[in-house]
Amino acid sequence: MLLAAALPLPLLANGVDPSGVWLRDDGNARVRIAPCGGDICATNLWIKDTSGGEEVGDKLVMTLKPEADGTLSGTAFDAKRDRRYGMTLTVKPDGLSTRGCIARVLCKTVNWTPAQ
């Protein structure tokens, strides 16, 4: 299910590949991370509780570049909410973590595990 061959070249050159299907640590979401044009998209495949406004098909478009520490950083755009976030994505041996910030003050870190 990995789509490494289609990822933007700078990500592959740094050995960082977030592609795949991931489960959010709160158990509320299943997301596919895959290339979309020159960016990376995280698309909701399943949402347990839609009361917070999240729905299947919602997409976050991330414009990320590799950093020297092995993370990916840049911005993420949520078209549904018309919001842009500062974003850091870290691929770990057992999953990945994302940290999104609005105005560098309101930040949230989410951990993800690979879907089986």
PDB file of N, CA and C in Angstrom:
ATOM      1  N   MET A   1       0.805  -1.185   0.000  1.00  0.00           N
ATOM      2  CA  MET A   1       0.000   0.000   0.000  1.00  0.00           C
ATOM      3  C   MET A   1       0.858   1.263   0.000  1.00  0.00           C
ATOM      4  N   LEU A   2       2.154   1.159   0.132  1.00  0.00           N
ATOM      5  CA  LEU A   2       3.009   2.332   0.086  1.00  0.00           C
ATOM      6  C   LEU A   2       3.129   2.854  -1.331  1.00  0.00           C
ATOM      7  N   LEU A   3       3.201   4.150  -1.449  1.00  0.00           N
ATOM      8  CA  LEU A   3       3.263   4.784  -2.752  1.00  0.00           C
ATOM      9  C   LEU A   3       4.568   5.540  -2.921  1.00  0.00           C
ATOM     10  N   ALA A   4       5.656   4.976  -2.452  1.00  0.00           N
ATOM     11  CA  ALA A   4       6.944   5.665  -2.454  1.00  0.00           C
ATOM     12  C   ALA A   4       7.379   6.109  -3.839  1.00  0.00           C
ATOM     13  N   ALA A   5       7.070   5.355  -4.861  1.00  0.00           N
ATOM     14  CA  ALA A   5       7.513   5.705  -6.205  1.00  0.00           C
ATOM     15  C   ALA A   5       6.902   7.016  -6.683  1.00  0.00           C
ATOM     16  N   ALA A   6       5.792   7.419  -6.115  1.00  0.00           N
ATOM     17  CA  ALA A   6       5.129   8.632  -6.573  1.00  0.00           C
ATOM     18  C   ALA A   6       5.402   9.839  -5.678  1.00  0.00           C
ATOM     19  N   LEU A   7       6.150   9.672  -4.589  1.00  0.00           N
ATOM     20  CA  LEU A   7       6.423  10.791  -3.702  1.00  0.00           C
ATOM     21  C   LEU A   7       7.372  11.776  -4.354  1.00  0.00           C
ATOM     22  N   PRO A   8       7.266  13.061  -3.989  1.00  0.00           N
ATOM     23  CA  PRO A   8       8.195  14.049  -4.525  1.00  0.00           C
ATOM     24  C   PRO A   8       9.639  13.656  -4.215  1.00  0.00           C
ATOM     25  N   LEU A   9      10.525  13.841  -5.166  1.00  0.00           N
ATOM     26  CA  LEU A   9      11.919  13.412  -5.072  1.00  0.00           C
ATOM     27  C   LEU A   9      12.641  13.868  -3.811  1.00  0.00           C
ATOM     28  N   PRO A  10      12.474  15.126  -3.339  1.00  0.00           N
ATOM     29  CA  PRO A  10      13.216  15.524  -2.143  1.00  0.00           C
ATOM     30  C   PRO A  10      12.893  14.664  -0.924  1.00  0.00           C
ATOM     31  N   LEU A  11      11.661  14.166  -0.805  1.00  0.00           N
ATOM     32  CA  LEU A  11      11.307  13.332   0.336  1.00  0.00           C
ATOM     33  C   LEU A  11      12.011  11.986   0.253  1.00  0.00           C
ATOM     34  N   LEU A  12      12.046  11.394  -0.924  1.00  0.00           N
ATOM     35  CA  LEU A  12      12.714  10.107  -1.093  1.00  0.00           C
ATOM     36  C   LEU A  12      14.215  10.241  -0.878  1.00  0.00           C
ATOM     37  N   ALA A  13      14.794  11.328  -1.335  1.00  0.00           N
ATOM     38  CA  ALA A  13      16.230  11.527  -1.195  1.00  0.00           C
ATOM     39  C   ALA A  13      16.635  11.584   0.279  1.00  0.00           C
ATOM     40  N   ASN A  14      15.731  12.048   1.124  1.00  0.00           N
ATOM     41  CA  ASN A  14      16.020  12.142   2.551  1.00  0.00           C
ATOM     42  C   ASN A  14      15.628  10.862   3.290  1.00  0.00           C
ATOM     43  N   GLY A  15      15.044   9.877   2.580  1.00  0.00           N
ATOM     44  CA  GLY A  15      14.659   8.620   3.190  1.00  0.00           C
ATOM     45  C   GLY A  15      13.383   8.687   4.011  1.00  0.00           C
ATOM     46  N   VAL A  16      12.642   9.784   3.947  1.00  0.00           N
ATOM     47  CA  VAL A  16      11.421   9.959   4.717  1.00  0.00           C
ATOM     48  C   VAL A  16      10.222   9.660   3.822  1.00  0.00           C
ATOM     49  N   ASP A  17       9.420   8.678   4.240  1.00  0.00           N
ATOM     50  CA  ASP A  17       8.253   8.300   3.453  1.00  0.00           C
ATOM     51  C   ASP A  17       7.041   8.106   4.364  1.00  0.00           C
ATOM     52  N   PRO A  18       6.155   9.097   4.430  1.00  0.00           N
ATOM     53  CA  PRO A  18       4.975   8.974   5.288  1.00  0.00           C
ATOM     54  C   PRO A  18       3.796   8.276   4.609  1.00  0.00           C
ATOM     55  N   SER A  19       3.959   7.792   3.400  1.00  0.00           N
ATOM     56  CA  SER A  19       2.854   7.184   2.657  1.00  0.00           C
ATOM     57  C   SER A  19       2.293   5.963   3.375  1.00  0.00           C
ATOM     58  N   GLY A  20       1.002   5.806   3.286  1.00  0.00           N
ATOM     59  CA  GLY A  20       0.351   4.634   3.857  1.00  0.00           C
ATOM     60  C   GLY A  20      -0.976   4.982   4.488  1.00  0.00           C
ATOM     61  N   VAL A  21      -1.556   4.016   5.181  1.00  0.00           N
ATOM     62  CA  VAL A  21      -2.811   4.219   5.900  1.00  0.00           C
ATOM     63  C   VAL A  21      -2.485   4.189   7.385  1.00  0.00           C
ATOM     64  N   TRP A  22      -2.974   5.201   8.102  1.00  0.00           N
ATOM     65  CA  TRP A  22      -2.602   5.423   9.494  1.00  0.00           C
ATOM     66  C   TRP A  22      -3.830   5.543  10.374  1.00  0.00           C
ATOM     67  N   LEU A  23      -3.697   5.089  11.635  1.00  0.00           N
ATOM     68  CA  LEU A  23      -4.748   5.208  12.637  1.00  0.00           C
ATOM     69  C   LEU A  23      -4.339   6.256  13.661  1.00  0.00           C
ATOM     70  N   ARG A  24      -5.232   7.215  13.897  1.00  0.00           N
ATOM     71  CA  ARG A  24      -4.949   8.273  14.871  1.00  0.00           C
ATOM     72  C   ARG A  24      -5.004   7.713  16.286  1.00  0.00           C
ATOM     73  N   ASP A  25      -4.156   8.242  17.169  1.00  0.00           N
ATOM     74  CA  ASP A  25      -4.021   7.698  18.525  1.00  0.00           C
ATOM     75  C   ASP A  25      -5.280   7.783  19.379  1.00  0.00           C
ATOM     76  N   ASP A  26      -6.227   8.650  19.034  1.00  0.00           N
ATOM     77  CA  ASP A  26      -7.471   8.720  19.808  1.00  0.00           C
ATOM     78  C   ASP A  26      -8.513   7.712  19.313  1.00  0.00           C
ATOM     79  N   GLY A  27      -8.163   6.938  18.266  1.00  0.00           N
ATOM     80  CA  GLY A  27      -9.079   5.923  17.745  1.00  0.00           C
ATOM     81  C   GLY A  27     -10.213   6.473  16.904  1.00  0.00           C
ATOM     82  N   ASN A  28     -10.177   7.752  16.572  1.00  0.00           N
ATOM     83  CA  ASN A  28     -11.292   8.370  15.864  1.00  0.00           C
ATOM     84  C   ASN A  28     -11.113   8.456  14.353  1.00  0.00           C
ATOM     85  N   ALA A  29      -9.919   8.188  13.832  1.00  0.00           N
ATOM     86  CA  ALA A  29      -9.722   8.399  12.397  1.00  0.00           C
ATOM     87  C   ALA A  29      -8.775   7.375  11.783  1.00  0.00           C
ATOM     88  N   ARG A  30      -9.072   7.060  10.524  1.00  0.00           N
ATOM     89  CA  ARG A  30      -8.203   6.254   9.659  1.00  0.00           C
ATOM     90  C   ARG A  30      -7.939   7.141   8.439  1.00  0.00           C
ATOM     91  N   VAL A  31      -6.649   7.387   8.158  1.00  0.00           N
ATOM     92  CA  VAL A  31      -6.254   8.367   7.150  1.00  0.00           C
ATOM     93  C   VAL A  31      -5.268   7.751   6.170  1.00  0.00           C
ATOM     94  N   ARG A  32      -5.419   8.086   4.888  1.00  0.00           N
ATOM     95  CA  ARG A  32      -4.431   7.689   3.880  1.00  0.00           C
ATOM     96  C   ARG A  32      -3.554   8.891   3.585  1.00  0.00           C
ATOM     97  N   ILE A  33      -2.231   8.695   3.701  1.00  0.00           N
ATOM     98  CA  ILE A  33      -1.268   9.724   3.317  1.00  0.00           C
ATOM     99  C   ILE A  33      -0.647   9.270   2.005  1.00  0.00           C
ATOM    100  N   ALA A  34      -0.750  10.143   1.003  1.00  0.00           N
ATOM    101  CA  ALA A  34      -0.267   9.797  -0.339  1.00  0.00           C
ATOM    102  C   ALA A  34       0.065  11.080  -1.098  1.00  0.00           C
ATOM    103  N   PRO A  35       0.871  10.954  -2.143  1.00  0.00           N
ATOM    104  CA  PRO A  35       1.174  12.115  -2.975  1.00  0.00           C
ATOM    105  C   PRO A  35      -0.084  12.649  -3.648  1.00  0.00           C
ATOM    106  N   CYS A  36      -0.112  13.961  -3.831  1.00  0.00           N
ATOM    107  CA  CYS A  36      -1.175  14.601  -4.625  1.00  0.00           C
ATOM    108  C   CYS A  36      -0.527  15.786  -5.329  1.00  0.00           C
ATOM    109  N   GLY A  37      -0.266  15.605  -6.591  1.00  0.00           N
ATOM    110  CA  GLY A  37       0.499  16.612  -7.321  1.00  0.00           C
ATOM    111  C   GLY A  37       1.898  16.677  -6.741  1.00  0.00           C
ATOM    112  N   GLY A  38       2.404  17.866  -6.471  1.00  0.00           N
ATOM    113  CA  GLY A  38       3.725  18.026  -5.870  1.00  0.00           C
ATOM    114  C   GLY A  38       3.684  18.052  -4.356  1.00  0.00           C
ATOM    115  N   ASP A  39       2.506  17.840  -3.774  1.00  0.00           N
ATOM    116  CA  ASP A  39       2.337  17.886  -2.323  1.00  0.00           C
ATOM    117  C   ASP A  39       2.024  16.497  -1.781  1.00  0.00           C
ATOM    118  N   ILE A  40       1.693  16.450  -0.491  1.00  0.00           N
ATOM    119  CA  ILE A  40       1.281  15.218   0.166  1.00  0.00           C
ATOM    120  C   ILE A  40      -0.104  15.471   0.745  1.00  0.00           C
ATOM    121  N   CYS A  41      -1.037  14.545   0.544  1.00  0.00           N
ATOM    122  CA  CYS A  41      -2.382  14.711   1.073  1.00  0.00           C
ATOM    123  C   CYS A  41      -2.690  13.649   2.115  1.00  0.00           C
ATOM    124  N   ALA A  42      -3.368  14.081   3.164  1.00  0.00           N
ATOM    125  CA  ALA A  42      -3.906  13.173   4.174  1.00  0.00           C
ATOM    126  C   ALA A  42      -5.423  13.218   4.006  1.00  0.00           C
ATOM    127  N   THR A  43      -6.009  12.080   3.637  1.00  0.00           N
ATOM    128  CA  THR A  43      -7.440  12.007   3.353  1.00  0.00           C
ATOM    129  C   THR A  43      -8.113  11.072   4.342  1.00  0.00           C
ATOM    130  N   ASN A  44      -9.184  11.552   4.972  1.00  0.00           N
ATOM    131  CA  ASN A  44      -9.935  10.724   5.919  1.00  0.00           C
ATOM    132  C   ASN A  44     -10.623   9.580   5.182  1.00  0.00           C
ATOM    133  N   LEU A  45     -10.335   8.355   5.611  1.00  0.00           N
ATOM    134  CA  LEU A  45     -10.983   7.164   5.057  1.00  0.00           C
ATOM    135  C   LEU A  45     -12.136   6.702   5.938  1.00  0.00           C
ATOM    136  N   TRP A  46     -12.022   6.979   7.240  1.00  0.00           N
ATOM    137  CA  TRP A  46     -13.029   6.551   8.216  1.00  0.00           C
ATOM    138  C   TRP A  46     -12.957   7.491   9.406  1.00  0.00           C
ATOM    139  N   ILE A  47     -14.110   7.908   9.900  1.00  0.00           N
ATOM    140  CA  ILE A  47     -14.208   8.745  11.093  1.00  0.00           C
ATOM    141  C   ILE A  47     -15.235   8.114  12.018  1.00  0.00           C
ATOM    142  N   LYS A  48     -14.842   7.867  13.253  1.00  0.00           N
ATOM    143  CA  LYS A  48     -15.746   7.242  14.217  1.00  0.00           C
ATOM    144  C   LYS A  48     -16.794   8.232  14.719  1.00  0.00           C
ATOM    145  N   ASP A  49     -16.356   9.427  15.120  1.00  0.00           N
ATOM    146  CA  ASP A  49     -17.252  10.428  15.682  1.00  0.00           C
ATOM    147  C   ASP A  49     -17.201  11.684  14.816  1.00  0.00           C
ATOM    148  N   THR A  50     -18.267  11.952  14.102  1.00  0.00           N
ATOM    149  CA  THR A  50     -18.305  13.101  13.188  1.00  0.00           C
ATOM    150  C   THR A  50     -18.823  14.371  13.864  1.00  0.00           C
ATOM    151  N   SER A  51     -19.071  14.326  15.177  1.00  0.00           N
ATOM    152  CA  SER A  51     -19.637  15.493  15.860  1.00  0.00           C
ATOM    153  C   SER A  51     -18.687  16.687  15.872  1.00  0.00           C
ATOM    154  N   GLY A  52     -17.393  16.458  15.690  1.00  0.00           N
ATOM    155  CA  GLY A  52     -16.425  17.553  15.637  1.00  0.00           C
ATOM    156  C   GLY A  52     -16.278  18.144  14.257  1.00  0.00           C
ATOM    157  N   GLY A  53     -17.092  17.703  13.322  1.00  0.00           N
ATOM    158  CA  GLY A  53     -17.063  18.257  11.970  1.00  0.00           C
ATOM    159  C   GLY A  53     -16.200  17.492  10.987  1.00  0.00           C
ATOM    160  N   GLU A  54     -15.455  16.495  11.445  1.00  0.00           N
ATOM    161  CA  GLU A  54     -14.642  15.693  10.519  1.00  0.00           C
ATOM    162  C   GLU A  54     -15.535  14.706   9.787  1.00  0.00           C
ATOM    163  N   GLU A  55     -15.216  14.503   8.505  1.00  0.00           N
ATOM    164  CA  GLU A  55     -15.987  13.577   7.684  1.00  0.00           C
ATOM    165  C   GLU A  55     -15.063  12.775   6.780  1.00  0.00           C
ATOM    166  N   VAL A  56     -15.563  11.632   6.341  1.00  0.00           N
ATOM    167  CA  VAL A  56     -14.850  10.838   5.344  1.00  0.00           C
ATOM    168  C   VAL A  56     -14.665  11.701   4.103  1.00  0.00           C
ATOM    169  N   GLY A  57     -13.471  11.669   3.543  1.00  0.00           N
ATOM    170  CA  GLY A  57     -13.171  12.447   2.344  1.00  0.00           C
ATOM    171  C   GLY A  57     -12.502  13.781   2.622  1.00  0.00           C
ATOM    172  N   ASP A  58     -12.568  14.274   3.867  1.00  0.00           N
ATOM    173  CA  ASP A  58     -11.861  15.514   4.190  1.00  0.00           C
ATOM    174  C   ASP A  58     -10.383  15.326   3.878  1.00  0.00           C
ATOM    175  N   LYS A  59      -9.758  16.397   3.362  1.00  0.00           N
ATOM    176  CA  LYS A  59      -8.368  16.294   2.916  1.00  0.00           C
ATOM    177  C   LYS A  59      -7.542  17.441   3.470  1.00  0.00           C
ATOM    178  N   LEU A  60      -6.344  17.115   3.926  1.00  0.00           N
ATOM    179  CA  LEU A  60      -5.357  18.082   4.362  1.00  0.00           C
ATOM    180  C   LEU A  60      -4.216  18.022   3.355  1.00  0.00           C
ATOM    181  N   VAL A  61      -3.917  19.147   2.706  1.00  0.00           N
ATOM    182  CA  VAL A  61      -2.848  19.198   1.703  1.00  0.00           C
ATOM    183  C   VAL A  61      -1.606  19.773   2.363  1.00  0.00           C
ATOM    184  N   MET A  62      -0.538  18.960   2.391  1.00  0.00           N
ATOM    185  CA  MET A  62       0.692  19.355   3.079  1.00  0.00           C
ATOM    186  C   MET A  62       1.805  19.647   2.066  1.00  0.00           C
ATOM    187  N   THR A  63       2.406  20.810   2.223  1.00  0.00           N
ATOM    188  CA  THR A  63       3.572  21.194   1.444  1.00  0.00           C
ATOM    189  C   THR A  63       4.754  21.133   2.403  1.00  0.00           C
ATOM    190  N   LEU A  64       5.513  20.031   2.328  1.00  0.00           N
ATOM    191  CA  LEU A  64       6.556  19.754   3.314  1.00  0.00           C
ATOM    192  C   LEU A  64       7.913  19.569   2.653  1.00  0.00           C
ATOM    193  N   LYS A  65       8.944  19.936   3.382  1.00  0.00           N
ATOM    194  CA  LYS A  65      10.312  19.735   2.915  1.00  0.00           C
ATOM    195  C   LYS A  65      11.096  19.028   4.012  1.00  0.00           C
ATOM    196  N   PRO A  66      12.056  18.181   3.619  1.00  0.00           N
ATOM    197  CA  PRO A  66      12.877  17.489   4.609  1.00  0.00           C
ATOM    198  C   PRO A  66      13.794  18.450   5.361  1.00  0.00           C
ATOM    199  N   GLU A  67      13.949  18.187   6.644  1.00  0.00           N
ATOM    200  CA  GLU A  67      14.867  18.951   7.488  1.00  0.00           C
ATOM    201  C   GLU A  67      16.060  18.059   7.825  1.00  0.00           C
ATOM    202  N   ALA A  68      17.132  18.662   8.298  1.00  0.00           N
ATOM    203  CA  ALA A  68      18.356  17.917   8.628  1.00  0.00           C
ATOM    204  C   ALA A  68      18.128  16.880   9.728  1.00  0.00           C
ATOM    205  N   ASP A  69      17.141  17.111  10.604  1.00  0.00           N
ATOM    206  CA  ASP A  69      16.891  16.179  11.714  1.00  0.00           C
ATOM    207  C   ASP A  69      16.000  15.002  11.305  1.00  0.00           C
ATOM    208  N   GLY A  70      15.653  14.900  10.022  1.00  0.00           N
ATOM    209  CA  GLY A  70      14.845  13.787   9.543  1.00  0.00           C
ATOM    210  C   GLY A  70      13.350  14.042   9.552  1.00  0.00           C
ATOM    211  N   THR A  71      12.925  15.203  10.036  1.00  0.00           N
ATOM    212  CA  THR A  71      11.506  15.535  10.006  1.00  0.00           C
ATOM    213  C   THR A  71      11.150  16.179   8.675  1.00  0.00           C
ATOM    214  N   LEU A  72       9.867  16.303   8.432  1.00  0.00           N
ATOM    215  CA  LEU A  72       9.355  17.061   7.300  1.00  0.00           C
ATOM    216  C   LEU A  72       8.631  18.266   7.883  1.00  0.00           C
ATOM    217  N   SER A  73       8.862  19.439   7.328  1.00  0.00           N
ATOM    218  CA  SER A  73       8.175  20.607   7.874  1.00  0.00           C
ATOM    219  C   SER A  73       7.749  21.535   6.754  1.00  0.00           C
ATOM    220  N   GLY A  74       6.734  22.329   7.059  1.00  0.00           N
ATOM    221  CA  GLY A  74       6.188  23.263   6.086  1.00  0.00           C
ATOM    222  C   GLY A  74       4.811  23.701   6.519  1.00  0.00           C
ATOM    223  N   THR A  75       3.864  23.638   5.572  1.00  0.00           N
ATOM    224  CA  THR A  75       2.508  24.072   5.861  1.00  0.00           C
ATOM    225  C   THR A  75       1.507  22.997   5.462  1.00  0.00           C
ATOM    226  N   ALA A  76       0.317  23.115   6.037  1.00  0.00           N
ATOM    227  CA  ALA A  76      -0.795  22.239   5.689  1.00  0.00           C
ATOM    228  C   ALA A  76      -2.014  23.120   5.486  1.00  0.00           C
ATOM    229  N   PHE A  77      -2.811  22.799   4.464  1.00  0.00           N
ATOM    230  CA  PHE A  77      -4.008  23.573   4.175  1.00  0.00           C
ATOM    231  C   PHE A  77      -5.231  22.684   4.289  1.00  0.00           C
ATOM    232  N   ASP A  78      -6.187  23.137   5.087  1.00  0.00           N
ATOM    233  CA  ASP A  78      -7.467  22.462   5.275  1.00  0.00           C
ATOM    234  C   ASP A  78      -8.518  23.279   4.528  1.00  0.00           C
ATOM    235  N   ALA A  79      -8.882  22.830   3.324  1.00  0.00           N
ATOM    236  CA  ALA A  79      -9.824  23.579   2.483  1.00  0.00           C
ATOM    237  C   ALA A  79     -11.208  23.671   3.120  1.00  0.00           C
ATOM    238  N   LYS A  80     -11.634  22.633   3.812  1.00  0.00           N
ATOM    239  CA  LYS A  80     -12.965  22.631   4.425  1.00  0.00           C
ATOM    240  C   LYS A  80     -13.102  23.772   5.436  1.00  0.00           C
ATOM    241  N   ARG A  81     -12.062  23.997   6.214  1.00  0.00           N
ATOM    242  CA  ARG A  81     -12.095  25.050   7.235  1.00  0.00           C
ATOM    243  C   ARG A  81     -11.411  26.340   6.771  1.00  0.00           C
ATOM    244  N   ASP A  82     -10.848  26.308   5.558  1.00  0.00           N
ATOM    245  CA  ASP A  82     -10.109  27.435   4.995  1.00  0.00           C
ATOM    246  C   ASP A  82      -9.033  27.927   5.971  1.00  0.00           C
ATOM    247  N   ARG A  83      -8.231  26.960   6.467  1.00  0.00           N
ATOM    248  CA  ARG A  83      -7.162  27.279   7.415  1.00  0.00           C
ATOM    249  C   ARG A  83      -5.838  26.713   6.939  1.00  0.00           C
ATOM    250  N   ARG A  84      -4.792  27.462   7.235  1.00  0.00           N
ATOM    251  CA  ARG A  84      -3.427  27.027   6.947  1.00  0.00           C
ATOM    252  C   ARG A  84      -2.704  26.881   8.283  1.00  0.00           C
ATOM    253  N   TYR A  85      -1.965  25.793   8.411  1.00  0.00           N
ATOM    254  CA  TYR A  85      -1.258  25.475   9.645  1.00  0.00           C
ATOM    255  C   TYR A  85       0.230  25.336   9.369  1.00  0.00           C
ATOM    256  N   GLY A  86       1.047  25.646  10.351  1.00  0.00           N
ATOM    257  CA  GLY A  86       2.439  25.228  10.314  1.00  0.00           C
ATOM    258  C   GLY A  86       2.423  23.738  10.633  1.00  0.00           C
ATOM    259  N   MET A  87       3.218  22.929   9.940  1.00  0.00           N
ATOM    260  CA  MET A  87       3.136  21.476  10.106  1.00  0.00           C
ATOM    261  C   MET A  87       4.528  20.876  10.204  1.00  0.00           C
ATOM    262  N   THR A  88       4.681  19.940  11.131  1.00  0.00           N
ATOM    263  CA  THR A  88       5.872  19.108  11.221  1.00  0.00           C
ATOM    264  C   THR A  88       5.412  17.663  11.266  1.00  0.00           C
ATOM    265  N   LEU A  89       6.014  16.822  10.461  1.00  0.00           N
ATOM    266  CA  LEU A  89       5.679  15.404  10.402  1.00  0.00           C
ATOM    267  C   LEU A  89       6.965  14.627  10.664  1.00  0.00           C
ATOM    268  N   THR A  90       6.897  13.685  11.595  1.00  0.00           N
ATOM    269  CA  THR A  90       8.057  12.876  11.946  1.00  0.00           C
ATOM    270  C   THR A  90       7.723  11.405  11.749  1.00  0.00           C
ATOM    271  N   VAL A  91       8.468  10.726  10.892  1.00  0.00           N
ATOM    272  CA  VAL A  91       8.285   9.292  10.677  1.00  0.00           C
ATOM    273  C   VAL A  91       9.165   8.573  11.689  1.00  0.00           C
ATOM    274  N   LYS A  92       8.553   7.632  12.425  1.00  0.00           N
ATOM    275  CA  LYS A  92       9.252   6.866  13.455  1.00  0.00           C
ATOM    276  C   LYS A  92       9.202   5.393  13.075  1.00  0.00           C
ATOM    277  N   PRO A  93      10.034   4.556  13.691  1.00  0.00           N
ATOM    278  CA  PRO A  93      10.011   3.128  13.367  1.00  0.00           C
ATOM    279  C   PRO A  93       8.647   2.474  13.608  1.00  0.00           C
ATOM    280  N   ASP A  94       7.905   2.965  14.599  1.00  0.00           N
ATOM    281  CA  ASP A  94       6.622   2.349  14.938  1.00  0.00           C
ATOM    282  C   ASP A  94       5.416   3.203  14.549  1.00  0.00           C
ATOM    283  N   GLY A  95       5.612   4.251  13.769  1.00  0.00           N
ATOM    284  CA  GLY A  95       4.497   5.103  13.361  1.00  0.00           C
ATOM    285  C   GLY A  95       4.982   6.468  12.925  1.00  0.00           C
ATOM    286  N   LEU A  96       4.137   7.458  13.128  1.00  0.00           N
ATOM    287  CA  LEU A  96       4.535   8.821  12.828  1.00  0.00           C
ATOM    288  C   LEU A  96       3.808   9.767  13.767  1.00  0.00           C
ATOM    289  N   SER A  97       4.293  11.002  13.830  1.00  0.00           N
ATOM    290  CA  SER A  97       3.608  12.027  14.603  1.00  0.00           C
ATOM    291  C   SER A  97       3.502  13.269  13.744  1.00  0.00           C
ATOM    292  N   THR A  98       2.411  14.000  13.970  1.00  0.00           N
ATOM    293  CA  THR A  98       2.203  15.260  13.288  1.00  0.00           C
ATOM    294  C   THR A  98       2.008  16.334  14.343  1.00  0.00           C
ATOM    295  N   ARG A  99       2.525  17.511  14.051  1.00  0.00           N
ATOM    296  CA  ARG A  99       2.316  18.655  14.938  1.00  0.00           C
ATOM    297  C   ARG A  99       1.876  19.818  14.064  1.00  0.00           C
ATOM    298  N   GLY A 100       0.657  20.277  14.303  1.00  0.00           N
ATOM    299  CA  GLY A 100       0.113  21.397  13.561  1.00  0.00           C
ATOM    300  C   GLY A 100      -0.070  22.589  14.472  1.00  0.00           C
ATOM    301  N   CYS A 101       0.255  23.785  13.965  1.00  0.00           N
ATOM    302  CA  CYS A 101       0.156  25.003  14.769  1.00  0.00           C
ATOM    303  C   CYS A 101      -0.538  26.108  13.970  1.00  0.00           C
ATOM    304  N   ILE A 102      -1.361  26.867  14.678  1.00  0.00           N
ATOM    305  CA  ILE A 102      -1.943  28.080  14.116  1.00  0.00           C
ATOM    306  C   ILE A 102      -1.209  29.233  14.790  1.00  0.00           C
ATOM    307  N   ALA A 103      -0.629  30.098  13.989  1.00  0.00           N
ATOM    308  CA  ALA A 103       0.098  31.277  14.473  1.00  0.00           C
ATOM    309  C   ALA A 103       1.211  30.913  15.459  1.00  0.00           C
ATOM    310  N   ARG A 104       1.748  29.713  15.344  1.00  0.00           N
ATOM    311  CA  ARG A 104       2.866  29.240  16.182  1.00  0.00           C
ATOM    312  C   ARG A 104       2.568  29.224  17.676  1.00  0.00           C
ATOM    313  N   VAL A 105       1.313  29.414  18.049  1.00  0.00           N
ATOM    314  CA  VAL A 105       0.965  29.438  19.463  1.00  0.00           C
ATOM    315  C   VAL A 105       0.023  28.304  19.841  1.00  0.00           C
ATOM    316  N   LEU A 106      -0.976  28.089  19.039  1.00  0.00           N
ATOM    317  CA  LEU A 106      -1.938  27.019  19.294  1.00  0.00           C
ATOM    318  C   LEU A 106      -1.492  25.790  18.520  1.00  0.00           C
ATOM    319  N   CYS A 107      -0.904  24.835  19.233  1.00  0.00           N
ATOM    320  CA  CYS A 107      -0.338  23.657  18.583  1.00  0.00           C
ATOM    321  C   CYS A 107      -0.963  22.380  19.141  1.00  0.00           C
ATOM    322  N   LYS A 108      -0.985  21.360  18.287  1.00  0.00           N
ATOM    323  CA  LYS A 108      -1.482  20.048  18.705  1.00  0.00           C
ATOM    324  C   LYS A 108      -0.616  18.987  18.042  1.00  0.00           C
ATOM    325  N   THR A 109      -0.179  18.015  18.848  1.00  0.00           N
ATOM    326  CA  THR A 109       0.593  16.881  18.349  1.00  0.00           C
ATOM    327  C   THR A 109      -0.304  15.650  18.358  1.00  0.00           C
ATOM    328  N   VAL A 110      -0.280  14.895  17.269  1.00  0.00           N
ATOM    329  CA  VAL A 110      -1.059  13.664  17.144  1.00  0.00           C
ATOM    330  C   VAL A 110      -0.110  12.547  16.738  1.00  0.00           C
ATOM    331  N   ASN A 111      -0.254  11.401  17.391  1.00  0.00           N
ATOM    332  CA  ASN A 111       0.544  10.225  17.041  1.00  0.00           C
ATOM    333  C   ASN A 111      -0.308   9.271  16.225  1.00  0.00           C
ATOM    334  N   TRP A 112       0.348   8.571  15.298  1.00  0.00           N
ATOM    335  CA  TRP A 112      -0.331   7.682  14.355  1.00  0.00           C
ATOM    336  C   TRP A 112       0.388   6.325  14.328  1.00  0.00           C
ATOM    337  N   THR A 113      -0.391   5.257  14.193  1.00  0.00           N
ATOM    338  CA  THR A 113       0.178   3.920  14.022  1.00  0.00           C
ATOM    339  C   THR A 113      -0.257   3.379  12.670  1.00  0.00           C
ATOM    340  N   PRO A 114       0.566   2.525  12.069  1.00  0.00           N
ATOM    341  CA  PRO A 114       0.168   1.968  10.774  1.00  0.00           C
ATOM    342  C   PRO A 114      -1.086   1.107  10.906  1.00  0.00           C
ATOM    343  N   ALA A 115      -1.984   1.241   9.947  1.00  0.00           N
ATOM    344  CA  ALA A 115      -3.180   0.383   9.928  1.00  0.00           C
ATOM    345  C   ALA A 115      -2.763  -1.001   9.457  1.00  0.00           C
ATOM    346  N   GLN A 116      -3.316  -2.023  10.046  1.00  0.00           N
ATOM    347  CA  GLN A 116      -2.983  -3.392   9.693  1.00  0.00           C
ATOM    348  C   GLN A 116      -3.961  -3.933   8.686  1.00  0.00           C
TER     349      GLN A 116
END
